[in-house]
């Protein structure tokens, strides 16, 4: 792996584990056993590292919000949901440390805010597609609320996990996030689709 990629991977791990405010570029360099000057050659600041990590997140999420991708069955929506949660979990520090981002690196914070806004619009569009396909039964206000609840739950999960002391006995992990997101759909799904939704939920929490 190239040094530049190693720096990004190490930074992502440290930011997720310890929080963005607590990790310095010197710490990242020390963990990689490279000099601070070597790190500076690739990234001028911690903010630039964060910018590149946001770019990677954007590239990962972009296909999930592509308007050209049709979501007309529960399987379609479930796959989008699952991949989205994986991306949020992989870059969870961006959502968990949002106050720090907005205060210290406002350009980075604005990019994350924009990404969340795109996710809301994508969720709205996908719910409307499921409605048109007969998978969901809801009015316009319920669809709008459901889309926002889906994004809210997914993006706030990293903070909730921290509050619940994830890793301790009885703590709830990312699989619970998927379970609860599927549960949000439950009141609006019935018939054969409802049975399949319950089946999908059972795959996450036993």
N, C-alpha and C. Protein backbone atom coordinates (compact mmCIF):
# COMPACT_ATOMS: atom_id res chain seq x y z
N UNK A 1 0.84 -1.19 0.00
CA UNK A 1 0.00 0.00 0.00
C UNK A 1 0.88 1.25 0.00
N UNK A 2 0.52 2.22 -0.82
CA UNK A 2 1.28 3.45 -0.87
C UNK A 2 1.20 4.20 0.46
N UNK A 3 2.23 5.00 0.73
CA UNK A 3 2.27 5.75 1.99
C UNK A 3 1.03 6.62 2.14
N UNK A 4 0.61 7.26 1.08
CA UNK A 4 -0.57 8.13 1.13
C UNK A 4 -1.81 7.34 1.57
N UNK A 5 -2.00 6.16 1.02
CA UNK A 5 -3.14 5.34 1.39
C UNK A 5 -3.01 4.81 2.81
N UNK A 6 -1.80 4.49 3.21
CA UNK A 6 -1.57 4.03 4.59
C UNK A 6 -1.92 5.13 5.59
N UNK A 7 -1.57 6.35 5.26
CA UNK A 7 -1.90 7.48 6.14
C UNK A 7 -3.41 7.62 6.27
N UNK A 8 -4.12 7.53 5.16
CA UNK A 8 -5.58 7.65 5.20
C UNK A 8 -6.21 6.52 6.00
N UNK A 9 -5.75 5.30 5.79
CA UNK A 9 -6.32 4.16 6.51
C UNK A 9 -6.04 4.25 8.01
N UNK A 10 -4.81 4.62 8.37
CA UNK A 10 -4.46 4.74 9.78
C UNK A 10 -5.24 5.87 10.43
N UNK A 11 -5.36 6.99 9.72
CA UNK A 11 -6.12 8.12 10.26
C UNK A 11 -7.57 7.75 10.49
N UNK A 12 -8.17 7.06 9.52
CA UNK A 12 -9.56 6.65 9.66
C UNK A 12 -9.75 5.77 10.88
N UNK A 13 -8.86 4.83 11.08
CA UNK A 13 -8.96 3.95 12.25
C UNK A 13 -8.84 4.71 13.56
N UNK A 14 -7.91 5.64 13.62
CA UNK A 14 -7.71 6.42 14.85
C UNK A 14 -8.86 7.38 15.10
N UNK A 15 -9.33 8.04 14.05
CA UNK A 15 -10.45 8.97 14.21
C UNK A 15 -11.69 8.23 14.69
N UNK A 16 -11.95 7.05 14.14
CA UNK A 16 -13.11 6.27 14.56
C UNK A 16 -12.97 5.79 16.00
N UNK A 17 -11.78 5.36 16.36
CA UNK A 17 -11.57 4.78 17.69
C UNK A 17 -11.50 5.83 18.80
N UNK A 18 -10.86 6.96 18.53
CA UNK A 18 -10.57 7.92 19.59
C UNK A 18 -11.23 9.27 19.41
N UNK A 19 -11.78 9.53 18.26
CA UNK A 19 -12.41 10.82 18.01
C UNK A 19 -11.47 11.77 17.29
N UNK A 20 -12.02 12.53 16.37
CA UNK A 20 -11.22 13.45 15.56
C UNK A 20 -10.45 14.46 16.39
N UNK A 21 -11.04 15.09 17.43
CA UNK A 21 -10.30 16.12 18.17
C UNK A 21 -9.06 15.59 18.89
N UNK A 22 -9.04 14.31 19.25
CA UNK A 22 -7.98 13.77 20.09
C UNK A 22 -6.79 13.23 19.31
N UNK A 23 -6.88 13.16 18.01
CA UNK A 23 -5.82 12.55 17.20
C UNK A 23 -5.08 13.64 16.43
N UNK A 24 -3.77 13.72 16.65
CA UNK A 24 -2.94 14.70 15.96
C UNK A 24 -2.21 14.05 14.79
N UNK A 25 -1.66 14.89 13.92
CA UNK A 25 -0.87 14.36 12.80
C UNK A 25 0.40 13.67 13.33
N UNK A 26 0.96 14.18 14.43
CA UNK A 26 2.13 13.53 15.01
C UNK A 26 1.79 12.12 15.49
N UNK A 27 0.60 11.98 16.05
CA UNK A 27 0.17 10.65 16.51
C UNK A 27 0.02 9.71 15.32
N UNK A 28 -0.57 10.20 14.25
CA UNK A 28 -0.74 9.37 13.06
C UNK A 28 0.61 8.92 12.52
N UNK A 29 1.55 9.86 12.46
CA UNK A 29 2.89 9.54 11.97
C UNK A 29 3.56 8.51 12.86
N UNK A 30 3.42 8.67 14.16
CA UNK A 30 4.04 7.74 15.11
C UNK A 30 3.47 6.34 14.95
N UNK A 31 2.15 6.23 14.77
CA UNK A 31 1.52 4.93 14.60
C UNK A 31 2.01 4.25 13.32
N UNK A 32 2.31 5.04 12.31
CA UNK A 32 2.78 4.50 11.04
C UNK A 32 4.29 4.31 11.01
N UNK A 33 4.95 4.81 12.05
CA UNK A 33 6.41 4.76 12.14
C UNK A 33 7.05 5.49 10.96
N UNK A 34 6.51 6.65 10.65
CA UNK A 34 7.11 7.55 9.67
C UNK A 34 7.33 8.90 10.34
N UNK A 35 8.14 9.74 9.74
CA UNK A 35 8.41 11.05 10.32
C UNK A 35 7.24 12.00 10.06
N UNK A 36 7.03 13.00 10.93
CA UNK A 36 6.01 14.01 10.66
C UNK A 36 6.23 14.69 9.31
N UNK A 37 7.51 14.87 8.93
CA UNK A 37 7.80 15.48 7.64
C UNK A 37 7.33 14.64 6.47
N UNK A 38 7.44 13.32 6.63
CA UNK A 38 6.96 12.42 5.57
C UNK A 38 5.44 12.53 5.44
N UNK A 39 4.75 12.58 6.57
CA UNK A 39 3.30 12.75 6.52
C UNK A 39 2.94 14.09 5.89
N UNK A 40 3.67 15.13 6.27
CA UNK A 40 3.39 16.47 5.75
C UNK A 40 3.62 16.53 4.24
N UNK A 41 4.51 15.72 3.73
CA UNK A 41 4.76 15.67 2.29
C UNK A 41 3.49 15.25 1.54
N UNK A 42 2.72 14.36 2.16
CA UNK A 42 1.50 13.85 1.53
C UNK A 42 0.26 14.68 1.89
N UNK A 43 0.20 15.15 3.13
CA UNK A 43 -0.95 15.93 3.61
C UNK A 43 -0.44 17.09 4.45
N UNK A 44 -0.83 18.29 4.09
CA UNK A 44 -0.32 19.48 4.76
C UNK A 44 -0.89 19.66 6.16
N UNK A 45 -2.03 19.04 6.43
CA UNK A 45 -2.69 19.23 7.72
C UNK A 45 -3.65 18.09 8.00
N UNK A 46 -4.13 18.04 9.22
CA UNK A 46 -5.15 17.04 9.56
C UNK A 46 -6.44 17.33 8.79
N UNK A 47 -6.73 18.59 8.58
CA UNK A 47 -7.94 18.95 7.83
C UNK A 47 -7.89 18.37 6.42
N UNK A 48 -6.73 18.39 5.79
CA UNK A 48 -6.62 17.84 4.45
C UNK A 48 -6.83 16.32 4.46
N UNK A 49 -6.38 15.66 5.52
CA UNK A 49 -6.64 14.22 5.65
C UNK A 49 -8.15 13.98 5.72
N UNK A 50 -8.81 14.79 6.54
CA UNK A 50 -10.27 14.65 6.68
C UNK A 50 -10.96 14.89 5.34
N UNK A 51 -10.50 15.89 4.59
CA UNK A 51 -11.09 16.18 3.29
C UNK A 51 -11.00 14.97 2.36
N UNK A 52 -9.87 14.30 2.38
CA UNK A 52 -9.70 13.12 1.52
C UNK A 52 -10.57 11.96 1.99
N UNK A 53 -10.73 11.83 3.30
CA UNK A 53 -11.60 10.77 3.81
C UNK A 53 -13.05 11.05 3.43
N UNK A 54 -13.46 12.32 3.47
CA UNK A 54 -14.81 12.67 3.05
C UNK A 54 -14.99 12.35 1.57
N UNK A 55 -13.96 12.63 0.79
CA UNK A 55 -14.03 12.32 -0.64
C UNK A 55 -14.24 10.82 -0.86
N UNK A 56 -13.56 10.01 -0.07
CA UNK A 56 -13.73 8.56 -0.20
C UNK A 56 -15.15 8.15 0.19
N UNK A 57 -15.68 8.75 1.25
CA UNK A 57 -17.06 8.45 1.66
C UNK A 57 -18.04 8.85 0.56
N UNK A 58 -17.84 10.03 -0.02
CA UNK A 58 -18.73 10.50 -1.09
C UNK A 58 -18.73 9.52 -2.27
N UNK A 59 -17.55 9.05 -2.63
CA UNK A 59 -17.44 8.10 -3.74
C UNK A 59 -18.14 6.79 -3.41
N UNK A 60 -18.08 6.40 -2.15
CA UNK A 60 -18.70 5.14 -1.74
C UNK A 60 -20.22 5.23 -1.71
N UNK A 61 -20.74 6.38 -1.31
CA UNK A 61 -22.18 6.54 -1.16
C UNK A 61 -22.86 6.95 -2.46
N UNK A 62 -22.13 7.62 -3.33
CA UNK A 62 -22.73 8.17 -4.56
C UNK A 62 -23.58 7.16 -5.33
N UNK A 63 -23.10 5.92 -5.56
CA UNK A 63 -23.93 4.97 -6.32
C UNK A 63 -25.25 4.64 -5.62
N UNK A 64 -25.29 4.74 -4.30
CA UNK A 64 -26.50 4.40 -3.57
C UNK A 64 -27.59 5.47 -3.72
N UNK A 65 -27.15 6.69 -4.04
CA UNK A 65 -28.11 7.79 -4.19
C UNK A 65 -28.34 8.15 -5.65
N UNK A 66 -27.85 7.35 -6.55
CA UNK A 66 -27.97 7.62 -7.98
C UNK A 66 -29.44 7.54 -8.40
N UNK A 67 -30.01 8.62 -8.94
CA UNK A 67 -31.42 8.59 -9.36
C UNK A 67 -31.71 7.55 -10.43
N UNK A 68 -30.67 7.13 -11.16
CA UNK A 68 -30.88 6.15 -12.22
C UNK A 68 -31.10 4.74 -11.68
N UNK A 69 -30.79 4.52 -10.40
CA UNK A 69 -30.95 3.20 -9.80
C UNK A 69 -32.38 3.06 -9.29
N UNK A 70 -33.10 2.09 -9.80
CA UNK A 70 -34.50 1.88 -9.41
C UNK A 70 -34.59 1.04 -8.15
N UNK A 71 -35.42 1.48 -7.21
CA UNK A 71 -35.70 0.72 -5.99
C UNK A 71 -37.19 0.39 -6.03
N UNK A 72 -37.51 -0.81 -6.49
CA UNK A 72 -38.91 -1.17 -6.69
C UNK A 72 -39.31 -2.42 -5.92
N UNK A 73 -38.39 -2.95 -5.10
CA UNK A 73 -38.69 -4.13 -4.29
C UNK A 73 -37.94 -4.02 -2.98
N UNK A 74 -38.38 -4.76 -1.98
CA UNK A 74 -37.71 -4.71 -0.68
C UNK A 74 -36.24 -5.11 -0.77
N UNK A 75 -35.93 -6.05 -1.64
CA UNK A 75 -34.54 -6.45 -1.81
C UNK A 75 -33.68 -5.29 -2.29
N UNK A 76 -34.21 -4.50 -3.21
CA UNK A 76 -33.48 -3.33 -3.70
C UNK A 76 -33.21 -2.36 -2.56
N UNK A 77 -34.24 -2.08 -1.79
CA UNK A 77 -34.11 -1.12 -0.70
C UNK A 77 -33.21 -1.65 0.40
N UNK A 78 -33.35 -2.94 0.71
CA UNK A 78 -32.53 -3.54 1.75
C UNK A 78 -31.05 -3.48 1.39
N UNK A 79 -30.70 -3.75 0.14
CA UNK A 79 -29.30 -3.70 -0.27
C UNK A 79 -28.76 -2.28 -0.15
N UNK A 80 -29.55 -1.29 -0.59
CA UNK A 80 -29.13 0.10 -0.46
C UNK A 80 -28.94 0.47 1.00
N UNK A 81 -29.88 0.06 1.83
CA UNK A 81 -29.79 0.31 3.27
C UNK A 81 -28.53 -0.30 3.86
N UNK A 82 -28.29 -1.54 3.54
CA UNK A 82 -27.16 -2.27 4.12
C UNK A 82 -25.83 -1.64 3.72
N UNK A 83 -25.68 -1.33 2.45
CA UNK A 83 -24.44 -0.72 1.96
C UNK A 83 -24.26 0.68 2.55
N UNK A 84 -25.35 1.41 2.70
CA UNK A 84 -25.27 2.73 3.31
C UNK A 84 -24.82 2.67 4.75
N UNK A 85 -25.36 1.71 5.50
CA UNK A 85 -24.96 1.56 6.90
C UNK A 85 -23.49 1.15 7.02
N UNK A 86 -23.04 0.31 6.11
CA UNK A 86 -21.63 -0.08 6.12
C UNK A 86 -20.74 1.14 5.91
N UNK A 87 -21.14 2.03 4.99
CA UNK A 87 -20.35 3.23 4.74
C UNK A 87 -20.36 4.16 5.94
N UNK A 88 -21.52 4.35 6.55
CA UNK A 88 -21.62 5.22 7.73
C UNK A 88 -20.78 4.66 8.88
N UNK A 89 -20.84 3.36 9.06
CA UNK A 89 -20.05 2.72 10.13
C UNK A 89 -18.56 2.87 9.85
N UNK A 90 -18.16 2.72 8.61
CA UNK A 90 -16.74 2.82 8.25
C UNK A 90 -16.20 4.23 8.46
N UNK A 91 -17.05 5.24 8.29
CA UNK A 91 -16.62 6.64 8.44
C UNK A 91 -17.40 7.32 9.57
N UNK A 92 -17.64 6.60 10.63
CA UNK A 92 -18.54 7.06 11.69
C UNK A 92 -18.06 8.32 12.39
N UNK A 93 -16.76 8.59 12.42
CA UNK A 93 -16.28 9.78 13.11
C UNK A 93 -16.85 11.05 12.49
N UNK A 94 -17.13 11.04 11.18
CA UNK A 94 -17.65 12.22 10.51
C UNK A 94 -19.02 12.61 11.05
N UNK A 95 -19.82 11.63 11.40
CA UNK A 95 -21.15 11.89 11.93
C UNK A 95 -21.10 12.14 13.44
N UNK A 96 -20.23 11.42 14.11
CA UNK A 96 -20.14 11.53 15.56
C UNK A 96 -19.48 12.84 16.00
N UNK A 97 -18.53 13.35 15.19
CA UNK A 97 -17.77 14.55 15.58
C UNK A 97 -18.18 15.76 14.75
N UNK A 98 -19.46 15.85 14.43
CA UNK A 98 -19.94 16.90 13.54
C UNK A 98 -19.74 18.29 14.13
N UNK A 99 -19.93 18.47 15.43
CA UNK A 99 -19.73 19.79 16.04
C UNK A 99 -18.30 20.27 15.85
N UNK A 100 -17.35 19.36 16.04
CA UNK A 100 -15.95 19.70 15.85
C UNK A 100 -15.69 20.08 14.40
N UNK A 101 -16.23 19.31 13.48
CA UNK A 101 -16.05 19.60 12.06
C UNK A 101 -16.57 20.99 11.70
N UNK A 102 -17.77 21.31 12.14
CA UNK A 102 -18.38 22.59 11.78
C UNK A 102 -17.61 23.76 12.38
N UNK A 103 -17.03 23.55 13.56
CA UNK A 103 -16.31 24.64 14.24
C UNK A 103 -14.89 24.79 13.73
N UNK A 104 -14.19 23.66 13.57
CA UNK A 104 -12.76 23.70 13.22
C UNK A 104 -12.51 23.61 11.72
N UNK A 105 -13.30 22.80 11.03
CA UNK A 105 -13.12 22.59 9.59
C UNK A 105 -14.47 22.80 8.89
N UNK A 106 -14.92 24.05 8.84
CA UNK A 106 -16.28 24.29 8.33
C UNK A 106 -16.53 23.79 6.90
N UNK A 107 -15.50 23.81 6.05
CA UNK A 107 -15.70 23.29 4.69
C UNK A 107 -16.00 21.80 4.72
N UNK A 108 -15.29 21.09 5.60
CA UNK A 108 -15.54 19.65 5.74
C UNK A 108 -16.93 19.41 6.30
N UNK A 109 -17.29 20.19 7.32
CA UNK A 109 -18.61 20.04 7.91
C UNK A 109 -19.71 20.28 6.90
N UNK A 110 -19.52 21.29 6.06
CA UNK A 110 -20.53 21.61 5.04
C UNK A 110 -20.67 20.47 4.03
N UNK A 111 -19.56 19.80 3.71
CA UNK A 111 -19.63 18.69 2.76
C UNK A 111 -20.40 17.52 3.35
N UNK A 112 -20.20 17.27 4.64
CA UNK A 112 -20.95 16.18 5.28
C UNK A 112 -22.43 16.55 5.34
N UNK A 113 -22.73 17.79 5.67
CA UNK A 113 -24.13 18.23 5.68
C UNK A 113 -24.77 18.06 4.31
N UNK A 114 -24.04 18.41 3.27
CA UNK A 114 -24.55 18.25 1.91
C UNK A 114 -24.80 16.79 1.59
N UNK A 115 -23.89 15.92 2.05
CA UNK A 115 -24.05 14.49 1.80
C UNK A 115 -25.30 13.96 2.50
N UNK A 116 -25.56 14.43 3.70
CA UNK A 116 -26.75 13.99 4.42
C UNK A 116 -28.02 14.49 3.71
N UNK A 117 -27.98 15.73 3.21
CA UNK A 117 -29.12 16.26 2.47
C UNK A 117 -29.39 15.43 1.22
N UNK A 118 -28.34 15.03 0.53
CA UNK A 118 -28.50 14.16 -0.64
C UNK A 118 -29.11 12.81 -0.23
N UNK A 119 -28.71 12.33 0.93
CA UNK A 119 -29.24 11.05 1.41
C UNK A 119 -30.73 11.15 1.71
N UNK A 120 -31.16 12.28 2.26
CA UNK A 120 -32.58 12.48 2.53
C UNK A 120 -33.38 12.47 1.22
N UNK A 121 -32.86 13.18 0.22
CA UNK A 121 -33.56 13.22 -1.06
C UNK A 121 -33.60 11.84 -1.71
N UNK A 122 -32.49 11.10 -1.58
CA UNK A 122 -32.46 9.74 -2.15
C UNK A 122 -33.45 8.84 -1.43
N UNK A 123 -33.51 8.94 -0.09
CA UNK A 123 -34.45 8.12 0.68
C UNK A 123 -35.89 8.46 0.31
N UNK A 124 -36.16 9.75 0.10
CA UNK A 124 -37.50 10.16 -0.31
C UNK A 124 -37.86 9.55 -1.66
N UNK A 125 -36.93 9.62 -2.59
CA UNK A 125 -37.18 9.09 -3.93
C UNK A 125 -37.38 7.57 -3.89
N UNK A 126 -36.58 6.89 -3.10
CA UNK A 126 -36.69 5.44 -3.01
C UNK A 126 -38.01 5.01 -2.36
N UNK A 127 -38.43 5.73 -1.33
CA UNK A 127 -39.71 5.42 -0.70
C UNK A 127 -40.86 5.65 -1.68
N UNK A 128 -40.76 6.71 -2.47
CA UNK A 128 -41.80 6.98 -3.47
C UNK A 128 -41.83 5.89 -4.55
N UNK A 129 -40.66 5.36 -4.90
CA UNK A 129 -40.61 4.26 -5.86
C UNK A 129 -41.26 3.00 -5.29
N UNK A 130 -41.00 2.73 -4.02
CA UNK A 130 -41.61 1.57 -3.37
C UNK A 130 -43.12 1.76 -3.25
N UNK A 131 -43.54 2.99 -3.03
CA UNK A 131 -44.97 3.29 -2.98
C UNK A 131 -45.62 3.02 -4.34
N UNK A 132 -44.96 3.48 -5.40
CA UNK A 132 -45.50 3.29 -6.75
C UNK A 132 -45.53 1.81 -7.13
N UNK A 133 -44.59 1.03 -6.57
CA UNK A 133 -44.54 -0.40 -6.88
C UNK A 133 -45.51 -1.21 -6.04
N UNK A 134 -46.21 -0.54 -5.12
CA UNK A 134 -47.18 -1.23 -4.28
C UNK A 134 -46.58 -1.92 -3.07
N UNK A 135 -45.30 -1.68 -2.79
CA UNK A 135 -44.66 -2.28 -1.62
C UNK A 135 -45.04 -1.52 -0.36
N UNK A 136 -45.14 -0.20 -0.47
CA UNK A 136 -45.52 0.64 0.67
C UNK A 136 -46.94 1.16 0.49
N UNK A 137 -47.61 1.38 1.60
CA UNK A 137 -48.90 2.04 1.60
C UNK A 137 -48.82 3.19 2.58
N UNK A 138 -48.79 4.40 2.06
CA UNK A 138 -48.64 5.58 2.92
C UNK A 138 -49.03 6.81 2.12
N UNK A 139 -49.36 7.89 2.85
CA UNK A 139 -49.64 9.15 2.17
C UNK A 139 -48.36 9.95 2.03
N UNK A 140 -48.44 11.09 1.38
CA UNK A 140 -47.25 11.89 1.08
C UNK A 140 -46.53 12.34 2.35
N UNK A 141 -47.28 12.75 3.35
CA UNK A 141 -46.67 13.20 4.60
C UNK A 141 -45.95 12.06 5.31
N UNK A 142 -46.54 10.88 5.30
CA UNK A 142 -45.91 9.72 5.93
C UNK A 142 -44.63 9.31 5.21
N UNK A 143 -44.64 9.39 3.88
CA UNK A 143 -43.45 9.06 3.10
C UNK A 143 -42.33 10.05 3.42
N UNK A 144 -42.66 11.33 3.49
CA UNK A 144 -41.65 12.34 3.80
C UNK A 144 -41.06 12.11 5.19
N UNK A 145 -41.90 11.82 6.16
CA UNK A 145 -41.42 11.57 7.52
C UNK A 145 -40.59 10.31 7.59
N UNK A 146 -41.02 9.26 6.89
CA UNK A 146 -40.29 7.99 6.89
C UNK A 146 -38.88 8.17 6.31
N UNK A 147 -38.77 8.89 5.21
CA UNK A 147 -37.46 9.11 4.59
C UNK A 147 -36.52 9.82 5.54
N UNK A 148 -37.03 10.82 6.24
CA UNK A 148 -36.18 11.56 7.18
C UNK A 148 -35.82 10.70 8.39
N UNK A 149 -36.75 9.90 8.86
CA UNK A 149 -36.47 9.01 9.99
C UNK A 149 -35.39 8.00 9.63
N UNK A 150 -35.42 7.50 8.41
CA UNK A 150 -34.42 6.53 7.97
C UNK A 150 -33.02 7.14 8.01
N UNK A 151 -32.88 8.34 7.44
CA UNK A 151 -31.58 8.99 7.41
C UNK A 151 -31.16 9.41 8.81
N UNK A 152 -32.10 9.92 9.60
CA UNK A 152 -31.79 10.32 10.97
C UNK A 152 -31.24 9.14 11.77
N UNK A 153 -31.92 8.01 11.70
CA UNK A 153 -31.48 6.84 12.46
C UNK A 153 -30.11 6.36 12.00
N UNK A 154 -29.91 6.31 10.69
CA UNK A 154 -28.65 5.80 10.16
C UNK A 154 -27.47 6.70 10.52
N UNK A 155 -27.64 8.02 10.38
CA UNK A 155 -26.52 8.93 10.60
C UNK A 155 -26.27 9.22 12.08
N UNK A 156 -27.28 9.07 12.91
CA UNK A 156 -27.10 9.30 14.35
C UNK A 156 -26.69 8.04 15.09
N UNK A 157 -26.69 6.91 14.41
CA UNK A 157 -26.34 5.66 15.07
C UNK A 157 -24.96 5.67 15.71
N UNK A 158 -23.91 6.24 15.07
CA UNK A 158 -22.59 6.26 15.72
C UNK A 158 -22.60 6.95 17.08
N UNK A 159 -23.37 8.04 17.20
CA UNK A 159 -23.47 8.73 18.49
C UNK A 159 -24.24 7.88 19.50
N UNK A 160 -25.33 7.29 19.05
CA UNK A 160 -26.12 6.43 19.93
C UNK A 160 -25.28 5.26 20.44
N UNK A 161 -24.49 4.68 19.55
CA UNK A 161 -23.64 3.55 19.95
C UNK A 161 -22.65 3.97 21.02
N UNK A 162 -22.10 5.17 20.90
CA UNK A 162 -21.18 5.67 21.92
C UNK A 162 -21.89 5.83 23.26
N UNK A 163 -23.10 6.35 23.23
CA UNK A 163 -23.88 6.53 24.45
C UNK A 163 -24.20 5.20 25.11
N UNK A 164 -24.39 4.17 24.29
CA UNK A 164 -24.75 2.85 24.81
C UNK A 164 -23.53 1.99 25.13
N UNK A 165 -22.33 2.58 25.07
CA UNK A 165 -21.10 1.85 25.40
C UNK A 165 -20.97 0.60 24.53
N UNK A 166 -20.95 0.80 23.24
CA UNK A 166 -20.86 -0.33 22.33
C UNK A 166 -19.64 -1.19 22.65
N UNK A 167 -19.82 -2.48 22.57
CA UNK A 167 -18.75 -3.41 22.91
C UNK A 167 -18.95 -4.05 24.27
N UNK A 168 -19.72 -3.39 25.14
CA UNK A 168 -20.01 -3.97 26.43
C UNK A 168 -21.16 -4.96 26.32
N UNK A 169 -21.33 -5.76 27.35
CA UNK A 169 -22.42 -6.74 27.35
C UNK A 169 -23.76 -6.03 27.19
N UNK A 170 -24.55 -6.52 26.25
CA UNK A 170 -25.86 -5.95 26.03
C UNK A 170 -25.87 -4.73 25.12
N UNK A 171 -24.69 -4.28 24.69
CA UNK A 171 -24.64 -3.11 23.81
C UNK A 171 -25.18 -3.46 22.43
N UNK A 172 -25.64 -2.46 21.74
CA UNK A 172 -26.23 -2.67 20.42
C UNK A 172 -25.24 -2.25 19.34
N UNK A 173 -24.97 -3.15 18.40
CA UNK A 173 -24.03 -2.89 17.34
C UNK A 173 -24.71 -2.46 16.05
N UNK A 174 -23.93 -2.34 14.97
CA UNK A 174 -24.49 -1.89 13.69
C UNK A 174 -25.63 -2.76 13.17
N UNK A 175 -25.61 -4.06 13.53
CA UNK A 175 -26.69 -4.92 13.05
C UNK A 175 -28.03 -4.49 13.63
N UNK A 176 -28.00 -3.88 14.82
CA UNK A 176 -29.24 -3.38 15.39
C UNK A 176 -29.75 -2.17 14.61
N UNK A 177 -28.83 -1.37 14.09
CA UNK A 177 -29.24 -0.22 13.28
C UNK A 177 -30.04 -0.70 12.07
N UNK A 178 -29.55 -1.74 11.41
CA UNK A 178 -30.28 -2.29 10.27
C UNK A 178 -31.64 -2.82 10.71
N UNK A 179 -31.68 -3.48 11.84
CA UNK A 179 -32.93 -4.03 12.36
C UNK A 179 -33.96 -2.92 12.60
N UNK A 180 -33.52 -1.83 13.23
CA UNK A 180 -34.45 -0.75 13.53
C UNK A 180 -34.87 0.02 12.28
N UNK A 181 -33.96 0.13 11.31
CA UNK A 181 -34.33 0.79 10.07
C UNK A 181 -35.40 -0.01 9.32
N UNK A 182 -35.23 -1.33 9.32
CA UNK A 182 -36.26 -2.18 8.73
C UNK A 182 -37.57 -2.06 9.50
N UNK A 183 -37.47 -1.90 10.82
CA UNK A 183 -38.67 -1.76 11.64
C UNK A 183 -39.42 -0.47 11.31
N UNK A 184 -38.69 0.57 10.92
CA UNK A 184 -39.35 1.82 10.56
C UNK A 184 -40.30 1.62 9.38
N UNK A 185 -39.94 0.70 8.50
CA UNK A 185 -40.76 0.44 7.32
C UNK A 185 -42.00 -0.37 7.65
N UNK A 186 -41.93 -1.12 8.74
CA UNK A 186 -42.94 -2.13 9.04
C UNK A 186 -44.38 -1.63 9.00
N UNK A 187 -44.71 -0.47 9.59
CA UNK A 187 -46.12 -0.04 9.59
C UNK A 187 -46.68 0.24 8.20
N UNK A 188 -45.80 0.40 7.22
CA UNK A 188 -46.25 0.79 5.89
C UNK A 188 -46.16 -0.35 4.88
N UNK A 189 -45.82 -1.54 5.36
CA UNK A 189 -45.66 -2.71 4.49
C UNK A 189 -46.62 -3.80 4.96
N UNK A 190 -47.30 -4.46 4.03
CA UNK A 190 -48.18 -5.56 4.43
C UNK A 190 -48.15 -6.66 3.38
N UNK A 191 -48.95 -7.70 3.62
CA UNK A 191 -49.02 -8.81 2.69
C UNK A 191 -47.72 -9.58 2.60
N UNK A 192 -47.42 -10.09 1.42
CA UNK A 192 -46.21 -10.88 1.22
C UNK A 192 -44.96 -10.06 1.49
N UNK A 193 -45.01 -8.78 1.17
CA UNK A 193 -43.86 -7.92 1.41
C UNK A 193 -43.58 -7.79 2.90
N UNK A 194 -44.64 -7.75 3.71
CA UNK A 194 -44.46 -7.64 5.17
C UNK A 194 -43.80 -8.90 5.71
N UNK A 195 -44.19 -10.05 5.23
CA UNK A 195 -43.57 -11.31 5.67
C UNK A 195 -42.07 -11.33 5.32
N UNK A 196 -41.75 -10.83 4.14
CA UNK A 196 -40.35 -10.81 3.73
C UNK A 196 -39.56 -9.78 4.56
N UNK A 197 -40.19 -8.68 4.88
CA UNK A 197 -39.55 -7.68 5.73
C UNK A 197 -39.22 -8.27 7.09
N UNK A 198 -40.16 -9.00 7.67
CA UNK A 198 -39.90 -9.65 8.96
C UNK A 198 -38.77 -10.66 8.85
N UNK A 199 -38.70 -11.36 7.73
CA UNK A 199 -37.61 -12.30 7.50
C UNK A 199 -36.27 -11.57 7.47
N UNK A 200 -36.20 -10.44 6.78
CA UNK A 200 -34.96 -9.67 6.73
C UNK A 200 -34.56 -9.18 8.12
N UNK A 201 -35.54 -8.73 8.89
CA UNK A 201 -35.24 -8.26 10.25
C UNK A 201 -34.65 -9.38 11.10
N UNK A 202 -35.17 -10.59 10.92
CA UNK A 202 -34.69 -11.71 11.73
C UNK A 202 -33.24 -12.06 11.44
N UNK A 203 -32.73 -11.64 10.30
CA UNK A 203 -31.34 -11.94 9.94
C UNK A 203 -30.34 -11.09 10.73
N UNK A 204 -30.82 -9.99 11.31
CA UNK A 204 -29.92 -9.09 12.02
C UNK A 204 -29.90 -9.32 13.52
N UNK A 205 -31.06 -9.55 14.11
CA UNK A 205 -31.13 -9.71 15.57
C UNK A 205 -31.92 -10.97 15.87
N UNK A 206 -31.26 -11.88 16.58
CA UNK A 206 -31.90 -13.16 16.92
C UNK A 206 -32.20 -13.24 18.41
